[in-house]
Amino acid sequence: MKYKFRHHLLASTILFLFIAIFLVVFRVNNLQLLFLFLGIILGMFLLDLDHFIFWYFLKPNLEESRLARTALSRHDFKSIFRLIKISHNTHHNLIFHHYFFQIILVLFSFFIFTSTNNLFVHSLTISLNLHLLIDEYIDYFRDPKILQKWLFTREQTQLPVKFLGQYLAVFTVFFVIFVTLLIKFQI
């Protein structure tokens, strides 16, 4: 988890700096930069809530679920991060880490970008898309079969491993479109 956290933090920092440079050059006020920062930070963590859904609702009788509930009741966040790190490769049936959720997220993102000009909501949406892409790329380069397993977990027919690169390319293009739209709508 520490490894993935670093990737998420690094990517979110780069995203924030990239967008913030454009906003500063075009003289957007400092409050808007705060909204950008908060949206990106919140989106960096929000999708990992599905691990808690797994522990509390999907598999509450597992030993790791009991450990997670105990750690959370004690506010022992280090133990929770360690538990997510240990159990990451065994959590395949997550709600937010699934191809169907990613498709809905992209459609929802297009709706958000065409219906509102709120920088916080735009940056939150972009950060959610970035979070999924980072998780997918990490597992794709480590072992594409792991990515295939959790991305298409509840499906009888799965996308073949040889097409996962194209799948990632398509959603990366959507992500670039969303970043471009955010910058375009804010300047």
C-alpha atoms as a PDB file:
ATOM      1  CA  MET A   1       0.000   0.000   0.000  1.00  0.00           C
ATOM      2  CA  LYS A   2       2.886   2.323   0.769  1.00  0.00           C
ATOM      3  CA  TYR A   3       4.158   1.629  -2.736  1.00  0.00           C
ATOM      4  CA  LYS A   4       0.762   2.430  -4.275  1.00  0.00           C
ATOM      5  CA  PHE A   5       0.286   5.399  -1.964  1.00  0.00           C
ATOM      6  CA  ARG A   6       3.518   6.887  -3.273  1.00  0.00           C
ATOM      7  CA  HIS A   7       2.334   6.440  -6.841  1.00  0.00           C
ATOM      8  CA  HIS A   8      -1.012   8.064  -6.050  1.00  0.00           C
ATOM      9  CA  LEU A   9       0.618  10.921  -4.154  1.00  0.00           C
ATOM     10  CA  LEU A  10       3.221  11.542  -6.863  1.00  0.00           C
ATOM     11  CA  ALA A  11       0.653  11.461  -9.682  1.00  0.00           C
ATOM     12  CA  SER A  12      -1.756  13.693  -7.762  1.00  0.00           C
ATOM     13  CA  THR A  13       1.011  16.183  -7.002  1.00  0.00           C
ATOM     14  CA  ILE A  14       2.076  16.300 -10.645  1.00  0.00           C
ATOM     15  CA  LEU A  15      -1.558  16.700 -11.729  1.00  0.00           C
ATOM     16  CA  PHE A  16      -2.103  19.520  -9.230  1.00  0.00           C
ATOM     17  CA  LEU A  17       1.067  21.347 -10.284  1.00  0.00           C
ATOM     18  CA  PHE A  18       0.322  20.929 -13.987  1.00  0.00           C
ATOM     19  CA  ILE A  19      -3.207  22.321 -13.678  1.00  0.00           C
ATOM     20  CA  ALA A  20      -2.209  24.963 -11.124  1.00  0.00           C
ATOM     21  CA  ILE A  21       0.436  26.378 -13.465  1.00  0.00           C
ATOM     22  CA  PHE A  22      -2.212  26.986 -16.116  1.00  0.00           C
ATOM     23  CA  LEU A  23      -4.585  28.497 -13.587  1.00  0.00           C
ATOM     24  CA  VAL A  24      -1.927  30.804 -12.120  1.00  0.00           C
ATOM     25  CA  VAL A  25      -0.793  31.952 -15.571  1.00  0.00           C
ATOM     26  CA  PHE A  26      -4.398  32.854 -16.388  1.00  0.00           C
ATOM     27  CA  ARG A  27      -4.830  34.565 -13.001  1.00  0.00           C
ATOM     28  CA  VAL A  28      -7.366  32.346 -11.301  1.00  0.00           C
ATOM     29  CA  ASN A  29      -7.796  33.338  -7.656  1.00  0.00           C
ATOM     30  CA  ASN A  30      -6.125  31.454  -4.808  1.00  0.00           C
ATOM     31  CA  LEU A  31      -9.404  30.071  -3.487  1.00  0.00           C
ATOM     32  CA  GLN A  32      -9.834  28.198  -6.759  1.00  0.00           C
ATOM     33  CA  LEU A  33      -6.386  26.636  -6.250  1.00  0.00           C
ATOM     34  CA  LEU A  34      -7.523  25.459  -2.817  1.00  0.00           C
ATOM     35  CA  PHE A  35     -10.618  23.850  -4.377  1.00  0.00           C
ATOM     36  CA  LEU A  36      -8.398  22.189  -6.976  1.00  0.00           C
ATOM     37  CA  PHE A  37      -6.109  20.836  -4.266  1.00  0.00           C
ATOM     38  CA  LEU A  38      -8.958  19.559  -2.070  1.00  0.00           C
ATOM     39  CA  GLY A  39     -10.710  17.835  -4.962  1.00  0.00           C
ATOM     40  CA  ILE A  40      -7.530  16.060  -6.040  1.00  0.00           C
ATOM     41  CA  ILE A  41      -6.668  14.958  -2.481  1.00  0.00           C
ATOM     42  CA  LEU A  42     -10.181  13.684  -1.763  1.00  0.00           C
ATOM     43  CA  GLY A  43     -10.310  11.781  -5.045  1.00  0.00           C
ATOM     44  CA  MET A  44      -6.954  10.187  -4.270  1.00  0.00           C
ATOM     45  CA  PHE A  45      -8.463   8.316  -1.289  1.00  0.00           C
ATOM     46  CA  LEU A  46     -12.167   8.013  -2.066  1.00  0.00           C
ATOM     47  CA  LEU A  47     -12.077   4.911  -4.259  1.00  0.00           C
ATOM     48  CA  ASP A  48     -10.266   2.895  -1.598  1.00  0.00           C
ATOM     49  CA  LEU A  49     -13.429   3.006   0.491  1.00  0.00           C
ATOM     50  CA  ASP A  50     -14.479  -0.137  -1.358  1.00  0.00           C
ATOM     51  CA  HIS A  51     -11.994  -2.067   0.814  1.00  0.00           C
ATOM     52  CA  PHE A  52     -14.081  -1.016   3.829  1.00  0.00           C
ATOM     53  CA  ILE A  53     -17.248  -2.019   2.009  1.00  0.00           C
ATOM     54  CA  PHE A  54     -15.590  -5.403   1.396  1.00  0.00           C
ATOM     55  CA  TRP A  55     -14.717  -5.785   5.089  1.00  0.00           C
ATOM     56  CA  TYR A  56     -17.989  -4.503   6.532  1.00  0.00           C
ATOM     57  CA  PHE A  57     -20.611  -5.733   4.074  1.00  0.00           C
ATOM     58  CA  LEU A  58     -19.315  -8.194   1.473  1.00  0.00           C
ATOM     59  CA  LYS A  59     -17.118 -10.411   3.671  1.00  0.00           C
ATOM     60  CA  PRO A  60     -17.716  -9.371   7.310  1.00  0.00           C
ATOM     61  CA  ASN A  61     -16.905 -12.826   8.709  1.00  0.00           C
ATOM     62  CA  LEU A  62     -13.287 -12.960   7.512  1.00  0.00           C
ATOM     63  CA  GLU A  63     -10.475 -12.599  10.021  1.00  0.00           C
ATOM     64  CA  GLU A  64      -9.071  -9.627   8.112  1.00  0.00           C
ATOM     65  CA  SER A  65     -12.515  -7.969   8.315  1.00  0.00           C
ATOM     66  CA  ARG A  66     -12.479  -8.369  12.091  1.00  0.00           C
ATOM     67  CA  LEU A  67      -8.953  -6.923  12.215  1.00  0.00           C
ATOM     68  CA  ALA A  68     -10.017  -3.977  10.050  1.00  0.00           C
ATOM     69  CA  ARG A  69     -13.014  -3.203  12.252  1.00  0.00           C
ATOM     70  CA  THR A  70     -10.825  -3.392  15.370  1.00  0.00           C
ATOM     71  CA  ALA A  71      -8.153  -1.145  13.874  1.00  0.00           C
ATOM     72  CA  LEU A  72     -10.744   1.364  12.700  1.00  0.00           C
ATOM     73  CA  SER A  73     -12.465   1.477  16.107  1.00  0.00           C
ATOM     74  CA  ARG A  74      -9.052   2.199  17.689  1.00  0.00           C
ATOM     75  CA  HIS A  75      -8.262   4.806  15.005  1.00  0.00           C
ATOM     76  CA  ASP A  76      -5.143   2.788  14.157  1.00  0.00           C
ATOM     77  CA  PHE A  77      -4.712   4.000  10.582  1.00  0.00           C
ATOM     78  CA  LYS A  78      -1.253   2.481  10.175  1.00  0.00           C
ATOM     79  CA  SER A  79      -2.719  -0.966  10.763  1.00  0.00           C
ATOM     80  CA  ILE A  80      -5.489  -0.254   8.279  1.00  0.00           C
ATOM     81  CA  PHE A  81      -2.958   0.758   5.612  1.00  0.00           C
ATOM     82  CA  ARG A  82      -0.922  -2.376   6.373  1.00  0.00           C
ATOM     83  CA  LEU A  83      -4.046  -4.511   6.136  1.00  0.00           C
ATOM     84  CA  ILE A  84      -4.986  -2.992   2.779  1.00  0.00           C
ATOM     85  CA  LYS A  85      -1.434  -3.622   1.571  1.00  0.00           C
ATOM     86  CA  ILE A  86      -1.499  -7.250   2.682  1.00  0.00           C
ATOM     87  CA  SER A  87      -4.975  -7.984   1.356  1.00  0.00           C
ATOM     88  CA  HIS A  88      -4.791  -5.910  -1.846  1.00  0.00           C
ATOM     89  CA  ASN A  89      -4.170  -8.896  -4.097  1.00  0.00           C
ATOM     90  CA  THR A  90      -6.980 -10.920  -2.506  1.00  0.00           C
ATOM     91  CA  HIS A  91      -9.678  -8.252  -2.834  1.00  0.00           C
ATOM     92  CA  HIS A  92     -10.974  -8.953  -6.311  1.00  0.00           C
ATOM     93  CA  ASN A  93     -14.645  -8.282  -5.768  1.00  0.00           C
ATOM     94  CA  LEU A  94     -14.487  -4.541  -5.089  1.00  0.00           C
ATOM     95  CA  ILE A  95     -17.240  -2.179  -6.120  1.00  0.00           C
ATOM     96  CA  PHE A  96     -15.194   0.784  -7.361  1.00  0.00           C
ATOM     97  CA  HIS A  97     -12.305  -1.208  -8.829  1.00  0.00           C
ATOM     98  CA  HIS A  98     -14.292  -2.736 -11.676  1.00  0.00           C
ATOM     99  CA  TYR A  99     -14.582  -2.012 -15.386  1.00  0.00           C
ATOM    100  CA  PHE A 100     -18.322  -1.290 -15.142  1.00  0.00           C
ATOM    101  CA  PHE A 101     -17.727   1.370 -12.495  1.00  0.00           C
ATOM    102  CA  GLN A 102     -15.000   2.879 -14.673  1.00  0.00           C
ATOM    103  CA  ILE A 103     -17.362   3.160 -17.629  1.00  0.00           C
ATOM    104  CA  ILE A 104     -20.018   4.781 -15.424  1.00  0.00           C
ATOM    105  CA  LEU A 105     -17.367   7.117 -13.986  1.00  0.00           C
ATOM    106  CA  VAL A 106     -16.313   8.249 -17.473  1.00  0.00           C
ATOM    107  CA  LEU A 107     -19.937   8.865 -18.493  1.00  0.00           C
ATOM    108  CA  PHE A 108     -20.587  10.679 -15.221  1.00  0.00           C
ATOM    109  CA  SER A 109     -17.421  12.731 -15.796  1.00  0.00           C
ATOM    110  CA  PHE A 110     -18.654  13.872 -19.200  1.00  0.00           C
ATOM    111  CA  PHE A 111     -21.952  14.853 -17.586  1.00  0.00           C
ATOM    112  CA  ILE A 112     -20.142  16.819 -14.870  1.00  0.00           C
ATOM    113  CA  PHE A 113     -17.890  18.645 -17.309  1.00  0.00           C
ATOM    114  CA  THR A 114     -20.813  19.625 -19.514  1.00  0.00           C
ATOM    115  CA  SER A 115     -23.183  20.657 -16.729  1.00  0.00           C
ATOM    116  CA  THR A 116     -21.127  22.542 -14.136  1.00  0.00           C
ATOM    117  CA  ASN A 117     -18.122  24.809 -13.903  1.00  0.00           C
ATOM    118  CA  ASN A 118     -17.272  23.908 -10.285  1.00  0.00           C
ATOM    119  CA  LEU A 119     -13.500  23.427  -9.979  1.00  0.00           C
ATOM    120  CA  PHE A 120     -13.766  21.241  -6.863  1.00  0.00           C
ATOM    121  CA  VAL A 121     -16.140  18.812  -8.573  1.00  0.00           C
ATOM    122  CA  HIS A 122     -14.047  18.788 -11.757  1.00  0.00           C
ATOM    123  CA  SER A 123     -10.824  18.081  -9.866  1.00  0.00           C
ATOM    124  CA  LEU A 124     -12.506  15.401  -7.738  1.00  0.00           C
ATOM    125  CA  THR A 125     -13.768  13.677 -10.873  1.00  0.00           C
ATOM    126  CA  ILE A 126     -10.368  13.842 -12.547  1.00  0.00           C
ATOM    127  CA  SER A 127      -8.690  12.486  -9.423  1.00  0.00           C
ATOM    128  CA  LEU A 128     -11.108   9.535  -9.273  1.00  0.00           C
ATOM    129  CA  ASN A 129     -10.271   8.694 -12.886  1.00  0.00           C
ATOM    130  CA  LEU A 130      -6.554   9.060 -12.142  1.00  0.00           C
ATOM    131  CA  HIS A 131      -6.795   6.782  -9.108  1.00  0.00           C
ATOM    132  CA  LEU A 132      -8.297   3.965 -11.160  1.00  0.00           C
ATOM    133  CA  LEU A 133      -5.754   4.428 -13.941  1.00  0.00           C
ATOM    134  CA  ILE A 134      -2.840   4.288 -11.508  1.00  0.00           C
ATOM    135  CA  ASP A 135      -4.144   1.077  -9.936  1.00  0.00           C
ATOM    136  CA  GLU A 136      -4.660  -0.411 -13.376  1.00  0.00           C
ATOM    137  CA  TYR A 137      -1.229   0.557 -14.702  1.00  0.00           C
ATOM    138  CA  ILE A 138       0.555  -0.732 -11.586  1.00  0.00           C
ATOM    139  CA  ASP A 139      -1.095  -4.134 -11.893  1.00  0.00           C
ATOM    140  CA  TYR A 140      -0.775  -4.174 -15.684  1.00  0.00           C
ATOM    141  CA  PHE A 141       2.989  -3.743 -15.521  1.00  0.00           C
ATOM    142  CA  ARG A 142       3.375  -6.067 -12.537  1.00  0.00           C
ATOM    143  CA  ASP A 143       1.110  -8.866 -13.839  1.00  0.00           C
ATOM    144  CA  PRO A 144      -1.681  -8.265 -16.384  1.00  0.00           C
ATOM    145  CA  LYS A 145      -3.543 -11.347 -15.135  1.00  0.00           C
ATOM    146  CA  ILE A 146      -3.982  -9.695 -11.725  1.00  0.00           C
ATOM    147  CA  LEU A 147      -5.472  -6.639 -13.430  1.00  0.00           C
ATOM    148  CA  GLN A 148      -7.749  -8.846 -15.516  1.00  0.00           C
ATOM    149  CA  LYS A 149      -8.869 -10.708 -12.400  1.00  0.00           C
ATOM    150  CA  TRP A 150     -10.001  -7.692 -10.385  1.00  0.00           C
ATOM    151  CA  LEU A 151     -11.145  -5.502 -13.277  1.00  0.00           C
ATOM    152  CA  PHE A 152     -13.526  -8.121 -14.681  1.00  0.00           C
ATOM    153  CA  THR A 153     -14.139 -10.130 -11.518  1.00  0.00           C
ATOM    154  CA  ARG A 154     -17.909 -10.622 -11.735  1.00  0.00           C
ATOM    155  CA  GLU A 155     -17.964 -11.334 -15.459  1.00  0.00           C
ATOM    156  CA  GLN A 156     -18.191 -14.762 -17.028  1.00  0.00           C
ATOM    157  CA  THR A 157     -16.322 -13.661 -20.150  1.00  0.00           C
ATOM    158  CA  GLN A 158     -13.354 -11.406 -19.518  1.00  0.00           C
ATOM    159  CA  LEU A 159     -11.375  -9.149 -21.786  1.00  0.00           C
ATOM    160  CA  PRO A 160      -8.309 -11.134 -22.933  1.00  0.00           C
ATOM    161  CA  VAL A 161      -4.999 -10.048 -21.437  1.00  0.00           C
ATOM    162  CA  LYS A 162      -3.667  -9.076 -24.860  1.00  0.00           C
ATOM    163  CA  PHE A 163      -6.327  -6.312 -25.106  1.00  0.00           C
ATOM    164  CA  LEU A 164      -5.740  -4.786 -21.666  1.00  0.00           C
ATOM    165  CA  GLY A 165      -3.185  -2.353 -23.124  1.00  0.00           C
ATOM    166  CA  GLN A 166      -5.800  -0.972 -25.530  1.00  0.00           C
ATOM    167  CA  TYR A 167      -8.323  -0.797 -22.698  1.00  0.00           C
ATOM    168  CA  LEU A 168      -5.894   1.306 -20.656  1.00  0.00           C
ATOM    169  CA  ALA A 169      -5.079   3.487 -23.660  1.00  0.00           C
ATOM    170  CA  VAL A 170      -8.760   4.325 -24.201  1.00  0.00           C
ATOM    171  CA  PHE A 171      -9.300   5.352 -20.580  1.00  0.00           C
ATOM    172  CA  THR A 172      -6.036   7.290 -20.566  1.00  0.00           C
ATOM    173  CA  VAL A 173      -7.320   9.289 -23.550  1.00  0.00           C
ATOM    174  CA  PHE A 174     -10.524  10.022 -21.618  1.00  0.00           C
ATOM    175  CA  PHE A 175      -8.422  11.192 -18.672  1.00  0.00           C
ATOM    176  CA  VAL A 176      -6.410  13.562 -20.896  1.00  0.00           C
ATOM    177  CA  ILE A 177      -9.672  14.912 -22.345  1.00  0.00           C
ATOM    178  CA  PHE A 178     -10.971  15.608 -18.829  1.00  0.00           C
ATOM    179  CA  VAL A 179      -7.790  17.444 -17.809  1.00  0.00           C
ATOM    180  CA  THR A 180      -7.989  19.496 -21.000  1.00  0.00           C
ATOM    181  CA  LEU A 181     -11.644  20.318 -20.334  1.00  0.00           C
ATOM    182  CA  LEU A 182     -10.883  21.359 -16.765  1.00  0.00           C
ATOM    183  CA  ILE A 183      -8.176  23.750 -17.899  1.00  0.00           C
ATOM    184  CA  LYS A 184     -10.295  25.053 -20.777  1.00  0.00           C
ATOM    185  CA  PHE A 185     -13.336  25.710 -18.558  1.00  0.00           C
ATOM    186  CA  GLN A 186     -11.338  27.447 -15.835  1.00  0.00           C
ATOM    187  CA  ILE A 187      -9.330  29.900 -17.957  1.00  0.00           C
END
